[in-house]
Amino acid sequence: MAIKDILVVLEPGPEGRHVDEFALSLSSQLGAHLTAAGVALQTIAPVSFMGDYPYELMAQATDEARASAQSAFDRLNTAAPAGVNVDYVPVEGFTSEAIDRVARLARHYDLTIVRQNSPDEDGFASQLAVGTIFGSGRPCIMLPYIHKGPAKLGKAMVAWDGGVVVARALSGSLSLLQKAGKVEVVTVAKADQDFDSVPGFDITRHLARHGINATLKQLPATDDIAAILLSHAADSAPDYIVMGCYGHSRLRELVLGGTTREILGSMTVPIVMAH
């Protein structure tokens, strides 16, 4: 599937410039249209608040959030290179409503770019990113909070286990992989497996039929899948990783699987994910 329509969730803070640069460069390389979602969270007074309800203060906070989102888009639009068309979609609501609305919006795009929250943030960015991956049904790129610079597509690592979610992520990544000079399909299998029965053997053949010359790397069997994948990624230094996002919804709470949570917690390169 060609990626021609990209959504990026704007980051109003200073680090938002890095998100802008990545999104604009990716859109330029793919010849894709870029839409920016500006999230303005609505707030309510805490339950400990005493006295008359501060309607004016809450309205002022919402207006400030709208202005911040609009300012983030203006920054993105100003930085857009020639040939990259951008537009803006405002999203408003309380926390859970805003997350749900971004996820629903993302269903209308080939790919969505979301940012990982840093350790000193309140976690909304992470909730938004995970909610978008779970709720959109489309591939998303999780951008590490430490990421700086444009999108690099030269070297890719595919964490393949033969499952449904990574198949979705891979299908949505074909346009990216076709631009890579090197693609490595990494799998963890039992040492006594025949090579042609290792998960990944058939998928490398499928990628070849899309013009992608991928190599298959079998890692030693282990109970700590996240650790061995992260260790291999550190050694091979891919520009991005393609993998599935495992987890489930429990009473409206999105719960990541252990391997997914550990990898996202230690990620240093963008990760293309789908659920």
C-alpha atoms as a PDB file:
ATOM      1  CA  MET A   1       0.000   0.000   0.000  1.00  0.00           C
ATOM      2  CA  ALA A   2       1.384   3.370  -1.008  1.00  0.00           C
ATOM      3  CA  ILE A   3       1.576   5.888   1.831  1.00  0.00           C
ATOM      4  CA  LYS A   4       0.098   9.096   0.419  1.00  0.00           C
ATOM      5  CA  ASP A   5      -1.879  10.478   3.341  1.00  0.00           C
ATOM      6  CA  ILE A   6      -0.143  11.012   6.707  1.00  0.00           C
ATOM      7  CA  LEU A   7      -1.494  12.309  10.013  1.00  0.00           C
ATOM      8  CA  VAL A   8       0.786  13.774  12.678  1.00  0.00           C
ATOM      9  CA  VAL A   9      -0.303  14.592  16.211  1.00  0.00           C
ATOM     10  CA  LEU A  10       1.175  18.003  16.974  1.00  0.00           C
ATOM     11  CA  GLU A  11       3.369  18.563  20.007  1.00  0.00           C
ATOM     12  CA  PRO A  12       3.013  22.145  21.337  1.00  0.00           C
ATOM     13  CA  GLY A  13       6.189  22.052  23.458  1.00  0.00           C
ATOM     14  CA  PRO A  14       9.745  22.852  22.326  1.00  0.00           C
ATOM     15  CA  GLU A  15      10.374  19.214  21.383  1.00  0.00           C
ATOM     16  CA  GLY A  16       7.536  19.564  18.908  1.00  0.00           C
ATOM     17  CA  ARG A  17      10.030  20.979  16.397  1.00  0.00           C
ATOM     18  CA  HIS A  18      11.609  17.527  16.199  1.00  0.00           C
ATOM     19  CA  VAL A  19       8.222  15.932  15.521  1.00  0.00           C
ATOM     20  CA  ASP A  20       7.613  18.547  12.822  1.00  0.00           C
ATOM     21  CA  GLU A  21      10.951  17.872  11.146  1.00  0.00           C
ATOM     22  CA  PHE A  22      10.379  14.121  11.105  1.00  0.00           C
ATOM     23  CA  ALA A  23       6.815  14.391   9.783  1.00  0.00           C
ATOM     24  CA  LEU A  24       7.660  16.930   7.087  1.00  0.00           C
ATOM     25  CA  SER A  25      10.710  15.010   5.869  1.00  0.00           C
ATOM     26  CA  LEU A  26       8.780  11.724   5.773  1.00  0.00           C
ATOM     27  CA  SER A  27       5.960  13.342   3.808  1.00  0.00           C
ATOM     28  CA  SER A  28       8.481  14.849   1.399  1.00  0.00           C
ATOM     29  CA  GLN A  29      10.263  11.523   0.820  1.00  0.00           C
ATOM     30  CA  LEU A  30       6.981   9.685   0.213  1.00  0.00           C
ATOM     31  CA  GLY A  31       5.265  12.435  -1.760  1.00  0.00           C
ATOM     32  CA  ALA A  32       2.454  12.346   0.807  1.00  0.00           C
ATOM     33  CA  HIS A  33      -0.040  14.921   2.025  1.00  0.00           C
ATOM     34  CA  LEU A  34       0.377  15.810   5.708  1.00  0.00           C
ATOM     35  CA  THR A  35      -2.492  16.579   8.058  1.00  0.00           C
ATOM     36  CA  ALA A  36      -1.778  17.880  11.568  1.00  0.00           C
ATOM     37  CA  ALA A  37      -4.067  17.115  14.496  1.00  0.00           C
ATOM     38  CA  GLY A  38      -3.955  19.791  17.171  1.00  0.00           C
ATOM     39  CA  VAL A  39      -5.248  18.457  20.486  1.00  0.00           C
ATOM     40  CA  ALA A  40      -6.799  20.934  22.909  1.00  0.00           C
ATOM     41  CA  LEU A  41      -7.641  19.212  26.178  1.00  0.00           C
ATOM     42  CA  GLN A  42     -10.651  20.462  28.039  1.00  0.00           C
ATOM     43  CA  THR A  43     -10.304  20.607  31.806  1.00  0.00           C
ATOM     44  CA  ILE A  44     -12.608  20.317  34.760  1.00  0.00           C
ATOM     45  CA  ALA A  45     -12.159  21.626  38.276  1.00  0.00           C
ATOM     46  CA  PRO A  46     -10.679  19.049  40.709  1.00  0.00           C
ATOM     47  CA  VAL A  47     -13.064  17.357  43.103  1.00  0.00           C
ATOM     48  CA  SER A  48     -11.299  19.167  45.957  1.00  0.00           C
ATOM     49  CA  PHE A  49     -12.338  22.560  44.560  1.00  0.00           C
ATOM     50  CA  MET A  50     -14.468  24.557  46.978  1.00  0.00           C
ATOM     51  CA  GLY A  51     -16.871  27.330  46.140  1.00  0.00           C
ATOM     52  CA  ASP A  52     -18.683  28.241  42.949  1.00  0.00           C
ATOM     53  CA  TYR A  53     -17.649  26.268  39.894  1.00  0.00           C
ATOM     54  CA  PRO A  54     -14.973  28.289  38.011  1.00  0.00           C
ATOM     55  CA  TYR A  55     -16.600  28.241  34.571  1.00  0.00           C
ATOM     56  CA  GLU A  56     -14.590  31.228  33.364  1.00  0.00           C
ATOM     57  CA  LEU A  57     -11.270  29.713  34.446  1.00  0.00           C
ATOM     58  CA  MET A  58     -12.085  26.411  32.738  1.00  0.00           C
ATOM     59  CA  ALA A  59     -13.103  28.230  29.561  1.00  0.00           C
ATOM     60  CA  GLN A  60      -9.893  30.264  29.676  1.00  0.00           C
ATOM     61  CA  ALA A  61      -7.813  27.080  30.030  1.00  0.00           C
ATOM     62  CA  THR A  62      -9.550  25.582  27.000  1.00  0.00           C
ATOM     63  CA  ASP A  63      -8.959  28.747  24.970  1.00  0.00           C
ATOM     64  CA  GLU A  64      -5.271  28.629  25.884  1.00  0.00           C
ATOM     65  CA  ALA A  65      -5.070  24.979  24.814  1.00  0.00           C
ATOM     66  CA  ARG A  66      -6.669  25.854  21.469  1.00  0.00           C
ATOM     67  CA  ALA A  67      -4.222  28.710  20.954  1.00  0.00           C
ATOM     68  CA  SER A  68      -1.285  26.446  21.803  1.00  0.00           C
ATOM     69  CA  ALA A  69      -2.430  23.824  19.297  1.00  0.00           C
ATOM     70  CA  GLN A  70      -2.928  26.465  16.609  1.00  0.00           C
ATOM     71  CA  SER A  71       0.529  27.878  17.328  1.00  0.00           C
ATOM     72  CA  ALA A  72       2.028  24.401  16.934  1.00  0.00           C
ATOM     73  CA  PHE A  73       0.383  24.085  13.530  1.00  0.00           C
ATOM     74  CA  ASP A  74       1.602  27.531  12.473  1.00  0.00           C
ATOM     75  CA  ARG A  75       5.142  26.423  13.369  1.00  0.00           C
ATOM     76  CA  LEU A  76       4.744  23.239  11.290  1.00  0.00           C
ATOM     77  CA  ASN A  77       3.214  25.078   8.363  1.00  0.00           C
ATOM     78  CA  THR A  78       5.998  27.657   8.336  1.00  0.00           C
ATOM     79  CA  ALA A  79       8.637  24.913   8.230  1.00  0.00           C
ATOM     80  CA  ALA A  80       6.929  22.932   5.448  1.00  0.00           C
ATOM     81  CA  PRO A  81       9.191  22.581   2.393  1.00  0.00           C
ATOM     82  CA  ALA A  82       8.002  23.219  -1.133  1.00  0.00           C
ATOM     83  CA  GLY A  83       5.949  20.320  -2.411  1.00  0.00           C
ATOM     84  CA  VAL A  84       4.562  19.251   0.970  1.00  0.00           C
ATOM     85  CA  ASN A  85       0.947  20.254   1.453  1.00  0.00           C
ATOM     86  CA  VAL A  86      -0.285  20.494   5.028  1.00  0.00           C
ATOM     87  CA  ASP A  87      -3.615  21.154   6.657  1.00  0.00           C
ATOM     88  CA  TYR A  88      -5.010  21.297  10.170  1.00  0.00           C
ATOM     89  CA  VAL A  89      -7.688  19.423  12.109  1.00  0.00           C
ATOM     90  CA  PRO A  90      -8.487  20.591  15.657  1.00  0.00           C
ATOM     91  CA  VAL A  91      -9.410  17.934  18.220  1.00  0.00           C
ATOM     92  CA  GLU A  92     -11.008  18.838  21.540  1.00  0.00           C
ATOM     93  CA  GLY A  93     -12.342  16.943  24.521  1.00  0.00           C
ATOM     94  CA  PHE A  94     -11.535  15.650  27.958  1.00  0.00           C
ATOM     95  CA  THR A  95      -8.657  13.175  28.130  1.00  0.00           C
ATOM     96  CA  SER A  96     -10.459   9.969  27.139  1.00  0.00           C
ATOM     97  CA  GLU A  97     -12.638  11.783  24.589  1.00  0.00           C
ATOM     98  CA  ALA A  98      -9.623  13.417  22.927  1.00  0.00           C
ATOM     99  CA  ILE A  99      -7.776  10.100  22.708  1.00  0.00           C
ATOM    100  CA  ASP A 100     -10.813   8.406  21.170  1.00  0.00           C
ATOM    101  CA  ARG A 101     -11.308  11.230  18.664  1.00  0.00           C
ATOM    102  CA  VAL A 102      -7.673  11.116  17.530  1.00  0.00           C
ATOM    103  CA  ALA A 103      -7.910   7.331  17.096  1.00  0.00           C
ATOM    104  CA  ARG A 104     -11.066   7.695  15.012  1.00  0.00           C
ATOM    105  CA  LEU A 105      -9.453  10.447  12.952  1.00  0.00           C
ATOM    106  CA  ALA A 106      -6.407   8.256  12.302  1.00  0.00           C
ATOM    107  CA  ARG A 107      -8.614   5.665  10.591  1.00  0.00           C
ATOM    108  CA  HIS A 108      -8.801   8.023   7.617  1.00  0.00           C
ATOM    109  CA  TYR A 109      -5.023   8.087   6.980  1.00  0.00           C
ATOM    110  CA  ASP A 110      -2.417   5.650   5.707  1.00  0.00           C
ATOM    111  CA  LEU A 111      -0.097   6.328   8.637  1.00  0.00           C
ATOM    112  CA  THR A 112      -0.144   8.353  11.859  1.00  0.00           C
ATOM    113  CA  ILE A 113       2.881   9.807  13.652  1.00  0.00           C
ATOM    114  CA  VAL A 114       2.645  10.056  17.441  1.00  0.00           C
ATOM    115  CA  ARG A 115       5.285  10.959  20.016  1.00  0.00           C
ATOM    116  CA  GLN A 116       6.413   8.974  23.030  1.00  0.00           C
ATOM    117  CA  ASN A 117       6.209  10.921  26.280  1.00  0.00           C
ATOM    118  CA  SER A 118       9.391  11.667  28.213  1.00  0.00           C
ATOM    119  CA  PRO A 119       9.813  10.404  31.813  1.00  0.00           C
ATOM    120  CA  ASP A 120       9.140  13.853  33.292  1.00  0.00           C
ATOM    121  CA  GLU A 121       5.803  14.316  31.511  1.00  0.00           C
ATOM    122  CA  ASP A 122       2.373  13.425  32.883  1.00  0.00           C
ATOM    123  CA  GLY A 123       1.918  10.540  30.455  1.00  0.00           C
ATOM    124  CA  PHE A 124      -0.827  11.977  28.244  1.00  0.00           C
ATOM    125  CA  ALA A 125       1.383  11.688  25.147  1.00  0.00           C
ATOM    126  CA  SER A 126       1.881   7.992  25.870  1.00  0.00           C
ATOM    127  CA  GLN A 127      -1.840   7.434  26.498  1.00  0.00           C
ATOM    128  CA  LEU A 128      -2.630   9.228  23.265  1.00  0.00           C
ATOM    129  CA  ALA A 129      -0.052   7.234  21.285  1.00  0.00           C
ATOM    130  CA  VAL A 130      -1.177   3.861  22.629  1.00  0.00           C
ATOM    131  CA  GLY A 131      -4.850   4.795  22.238  1.00  0.00           C
ATOM    132  CA  THR A 132      -4.254   5.751  18.612  1.00  0.00           C
ATOM    133  CA  ILE A 133      -2.405   2.506  17.863  1.00  0.00           C
ATOM    134  CA  PHE A 134      -5.124   0.416  19.521  1.00  0.00           C
ATOM    135  CA  GLY A 135      -8.081   2.332  18.153  1.00  0.00           C
ATOM    136  CA  SER A 136      -7.176   3.375  14.626  1.00  0.00           C
ATOM    137  CA  GLY A 137      -6.762   0.021  12.884  1.00  0.00           C
ATOM    138  CA  ARG A 138      -3.983   1.683  10.901  1.00  0.00           C
ATOM    139  CA  PRO A 139      -0.186   1.623  11.196  1.00  0.00           C
ATOM    140  CA  CYS A 140       1.380   4.283  13.400  1.00  0.00           C
ATOM    141  CA  ILE A 141       4.915   5.505  13.924  1.00  0.00           C
ATOM    142  CA  MET A 142       5.869   5.954  17.565  1.00  0.00           C
ATOM    143  CA  LEU A 143       8.585   8.605  17.660  1.00  0.00           C
ATOM    144  CA  PRO A 144      10.978   8.457  20.647  1.00  0.00           C
ATOM    145  CA  TYR A 145      11.027  11.594  22.774  1.00  0.00           C
ATOM    146  CA  ILE A 146      14.812  11.711  22.272  1.00  0.00           C
ATOM    147  CA  HIS A 147      14.535  11.654  18.479  1.00  0.00           C
ATOM    148  CA  LYS A 148      16.018  14.550  16.558  1.00  0.00           C
ATOM    149  CA  GLY A 149      16.425  15.077  12.841  1.00  0.00           C
ATOM    150  CA  PRO A 150      14.563  14.079   9.686  1.00  0.00           C
ATOM    151  CA  ALA A 151      13.125  10.668   8.898  1.00  0.00           C
ATOM    152  CA  LYS A 152      15.737   8.138   7.791  1.00  0.00           C
ATOM    153  CA  LEU A 153      14.572   5.182   5.745  1.00  0.00           C
ATOM    154  CA  GLY A 154      17.840   3.548   4.689  1.00  0.00           C
ATOM    155  CA  LYS A 155      17.936   0.616   7.123  1.00  0.00           C
ATOM    156  CA  ALA A 156      14.957  -1.225   8.592  1.00  0.00           C
ATOM    157  CA  MET A 157      14.509  -4.003  11.123  1.00  0.00           C
ATOM    158  CA  VAL A 158      11.310  -6.087  11.096  1.00  0.00           C
ATOM    159  CA  ALA A 159      10.580  -7.930  14.365  1.00  0.00           C
ATOM    160  CA  TRP A 160       8.657 -10.849  12.897  1.00  0.00           C
ATOM    161  CA  ASP A 161       6.833 -13.582  14.834  1.00  0.00           C
ATOM    162  CA  GLY A 162       4.304 -14.564  12.193  1.00  0.00           C
ATOM    163  CA  GLY A 163       1.420 -13.016  14.142  1.00  0.00           C
ATOM    164  CA  VAL A 164      -1.548 -11.003  12.913  1.00  0.00           C
ATOM    165  CA  VAL A 165      -0.541  -7.637  14.345  1.00  0.00           C
ATOM    166  CA  VAL A 166       2.971  -7.626  12.898  1.00  0.00           C
ATOM    167  CA  ALA A 167       1.489  -8.710   9.555  1.00  0.00           C
ATOM    168  CA  ARG A 168      -0.665  -5.580   9.662  1.00  0.00           C
ATOM    169  CA  ALA A 169       2.322  -3.414  10.568  1.00  0.00           C
ATOM    170  CA  LEU A 170       4.391  -4.931   7.770  1.00  0.00           C
ATOM    171  CA  SER A 171       1.658  -4.483   5.178  1.00  0.00           C
ATOM    172  CA  GLY A 172       1.355  -0.823   6.116  1.00  0.00           C
ATOM    173  CA  SER A 173       5.134  -0.377   5.922  1.00  0.00           C
ATOM    174  CA  LEU A 174       5.799  -1.646   2.396  1.00  0.00           C
ATOM    175  CA  SER A 175       6.221   1.865   0.983  1.00  0.00           C
ATOM    176  CA  LEU A 176       8.852   2.568   3.636  1.00  0.00           C
ATOM    177  CA  LEU A 177      10.647  -0.747   3.192  1.00  0.00           C
ATOM    178  CA  GLN A 178      10.855  -0.258  -0.569  1.00  0.00           C
ATOM    179  CA  LYS A 179      13.010   2.811   0.086  1.00  0.00           C
ATOM    180  CA  ALA A 180      15.369   0.970   2.429  1.00  0.00           C
ATOM    181  CA  GLY A 181      18.790  -0.083   1.238  1.00  0.00           C
ATOM    182  CA  LYS A 182      18.839  -2.824   3.868  1.00  0.00           C
ATOM    183  CA  VAL A 183      15.947  -4.715   5.455  1.00  0.00           C
ATOM    184  CA  GLU A 184      16.520  -7.340   8.141  1.00  0.00           C
ATOM    185  CA  VAL A 185      13.716  -9.638   9.284  1.00  0.00           C
ATOM    186  CA  VAL A 186      14.545 -10.649  12.844  1.00  0.00           C
ATOM    187  CA  THR A 187      12.892 -13.614  14.523  1.00  0.00           C
ATOM    188  CA  VAL A 188      13.401 -15.587  17.712  1.00  0.00           C
ATOM    189  CA  ALA A 189      13.101 -19.325  17.167  1.00  0.00           C
ATOM    190  CA  LYS A 190      14.104 -22.610  18.724  1.00  0.00           C
ATOM    191  CA  ALA A 191      17.634 -23.686  17.907  1.00  0.00           C
ATOM    192  CA  ASP A 192      16.536 -27.076  16.536  1.00  0.00           C
ATOM    193  CA  GLN A 193      14.037 -25.665  14.018  1.00  0.00           C
ATOM    194  CA  ASP A 194      14.618 -26.231  10.313  1.00  0.00           C
ATOM    195  CA  PHE A 195      15.495 -22.961   8.609  1.00  0.00           C
ATOM    196  CA  ASP A 196      12.511 -23.074   6.257  1.00  0.00           C
ATOM    197  CA  SER A 197      10.165 -23.490   9.248  1.00  0.00           C
ATOM    198  CA  VAL A 198      11.499 -20.461  11.092  1.00  0.00           C
ATOM    199  CA  PRO A 199       8.926 -17.634  11.243  1.00  0.00           C
ATOM    200  CA  GLY A 200      10.101 -15.125   8.644  1.00  0.00           C
ATOM    201  CA  PHE A 201      11.253 -17.455   5.873  1.00  0.00           C
ATOM    202  CA  ASP A 202       8.056 -17.049   3.853  1.00  0.00           C
ATOM    203  CA  ILE A 203       7.786 -13.324   4.570  1.00  0.00           C
ATOM    204  CA  THR A 204      11.224 -12.606   3.103  1.00  0.00           C
ATOM    205  CA  ARG A 205      10.021 -14.255  -0.106  1.00  0.00           C
ATOM    206  CA  HIS A 206       6.882 -12.097  -0.007  1.00  0.00           C
ATOM    207  CA  LEU A 207       8.991  -8.967   0.454  1.00  0.00           C
ATOM    208  CA  ALA A 208      11.182  -9.977  -2.493  1.00  0.00           C
ATOM    209  CA  ARG A 209       8.093  -9.998  -4.691  1.00  0.00           C
ATOM    210  CA  HIS A 210       7.616  -6.353  -3.703  1.00  0.00           C
ATOM    211  CA  GLY A 211      11.172  -5.554  -4.741  1.00  0.00           C
ATOM    212  CA  ILE A 212      12.490  -5.630  -1.165  1.00  0.00           C
ATOM    213  CA  ASN A 213      15.653  -7.664  -0.701  1.00  0.00           C
ATOM    214  CA  ALA A 214      15.360  -8.696   2.953  1.00  0.00           C
ATOM    215  CA  THR A 215      17.691 -10.932   4.932  1.00  0.00           C
ATOM    216  CA  LEU A 216      16.517 -13.230   7.734  1.00  0.00           C
ATOM    217  CA  LYS A 217      18.229 -13.152  11.119  1.00  0.00           C
ATOM    218  CA  GLN A 218      17.411 -15.858  13.667  1.00  0.00           C
ATOM    219  CA  LEU A 219      18.153 -14.889  17.263  1.00  0.00           C
ATOM    220  CA  PRO A 220      18.748 -17.455  20.035  1.00  0.00           C
ATOM    221  CA  ALA A 221      15.742 -18.781  21.928  1.00  0.00           C
ATOM    222  CA  THR A 222      15.015 -16.815  25.102  1.00  0.00           C
ATOM    223  CA  ASP A 223      12.231 -16.018  27.541  1.00  0.00           C
ATOM    224  CA  ASP A 224      13.064 -12.301  27.390  1.00  0.00           C
ATOM    225  CA  ILE A 225      12.067 -11.395  23.844  1.00  0.00           C
ATOM    226  CA  ALA A 226      12.236  -7.651  24.473  1.00  0.00           C
ATOM    227  CA  ALA A 227      15.810  -7.778  25.774  1.00  0.00           C
ATOM    228  CA  ILE A 228      17.173  -9.772  22.859  1.00  0.00           C
ATOM    229  CA  LEU A 229      15.386  -7.606  20.276  1.00  0.00           C
ATOM    230  CA  LEU A 230      16.622  -4.401  21.922  1.00  0.00           C
ATOM    231  CA  SER A 231      20.149  -5.797  22.142  1.00  0.00           C
ATOM    232  CA  HIS A 232      20.132  -6.734  18.475  1.00  0.00           C
ATOM    233  CA  ALA A 233      18.728  -3.341  17.508  1.00  0.00           C
ATOM    234  CA  ALA A 234      21.528  -1.647  19.458  1.00  0.00           C
ATOM    235  CA  ASP A 235      24.107  -3.718  17.553  1.00  0.00           C
ATOM    236  CA  SER A 236      22.577  -3.387  14.082  1.00  0.00           C
ATOM    237  CA  ALA A 237      21.489   0.273  14.433  1.00  0.00           C
ATOM    238  CA  PRO A 238      18.400   0.344  12.181  1.00  0.00           C
ATOM    239  CA  ASP A 239      16.814   3.654  11.247  1.00  0.00           C
ATOM    240  CA  TYR A 240      13.432   2.275  12.307  1.00  0.00           C
ATOM    241  CA  ILE A 241      11.766  -0.922  13.515  1.00  0.00           C
ATOM    242  CA  VAL A 242       8.557  -2.548  12.277  1.00  0.00           C
ATOM    243  CA  MET A 243       6.672  -4.607  14.856  1.00  0.00           C
ATOM    244  CA  GLY A 244       3.215  -5.455  16.144  1.00  0.00           C
ATOM    245  CA  CYS A 245       1.656  -3.804  19.177  1.00  0.00           C
ATOM    246  CA  TYR A 246       0.423  -6.480  21.553  1.00  0.00           C
ATOM    247  CA  GLY A 247      -2.034  -5.841  24.335  1.00  0.00           C
ATOM    248  CA  HIS A 248      -5.725  -5.678  25.137  1.00  0.00           C
ATOM    249  CA  SER A 249      -8.461  -3.421  26.440  1.00  0.00           C
ATOM    250  CA  ARG A 250      -9.587  -3.951  30.036  1.00  0.00           C
ATOM    251  CA  LEU A 251     -12.521  -1.883  31.234  1.00  0.00           C
ATOM    252  CA  ARG A 252     -11.600   0.920  28.814  1.00  0.00           C
ATOM    253  CA  GLU A 253      -7.963   0.789  29.962  1.00  0.00           C
ATOM    254  CA  LEU A 254      -5.439  -0.026  27.256  1.00  0.00           C
ATOM    255  CA  VAL A 255      -2.963  -2.564  28.594  1.00  0.00           C
ATOM    256  CA  LEU A 256       0.238  -3.207  26.648  1.00  0.00           C
ATOM    257  CA  GLY A 257       1.753  -6.663  26.540  1.00  0.00           C
ATOM    258  CA  GLY A 258       5.018  -7.105  28.429  1.00  0.00           C
ATOM    259  CA  THR A 259       7.314  -7.306  25.406  1.00  0.00           C
ATOM    260  CA  THR A 260       5.672  -4.315  23.719  1.00  0.00           C
ATOM    261  CA  ARG A 261       5.818  -2.257  26.919  1.00  0.00           C
ATOM    262  CA  GLU A 262       9.498  -3.006  27.491  1.00  0.00           C
ATOM    263  CA  ILE A 263      10.488  -2.184  23.922  1.00  0.00           C
ATOM    264  CA  LEU A 264       8.543   1.079  23.920  1.00  0.00           C
ATOM    265  CA  GLY A 265      10.069   1.987  27.267  1.00  0.00           C
ATOM    266  CA  SER A 266      13.607   1.618  25.898  1.00  0.00           C
ATOM    267  CA  MET A 267      13.123   2.636  22.269  1.00  0.00           C
ATOM    268  CA  THR A 268      15.735   4.873  20.655  1.00  0.00           C
ATOM    269  CA  VAL A 269      14.550   4.747  17.028  1.00  0.00           C
ATOM    270  CA  PRO A 270      11.084   5.228  15.487  1.00  0.00           C
ATOM    271  CA  ILE A 271       8.858   2.154  15.589  1.00  0.00           C
ATOM    272  CA  VAL A 272       6.170   1.403  13.005  1.00  0.00           C
ATOM    273  CA  MET A 273       3.382  -0.411  14.837  1.00  0.00           C
ATOM    274  CA  ALA A 274      -0.110  -1.742  14.324  1.00  0.00           C
ATOM    275  CA  HIS A 275      -2.580  -3.550  16.528  1.00  0.00           C
END
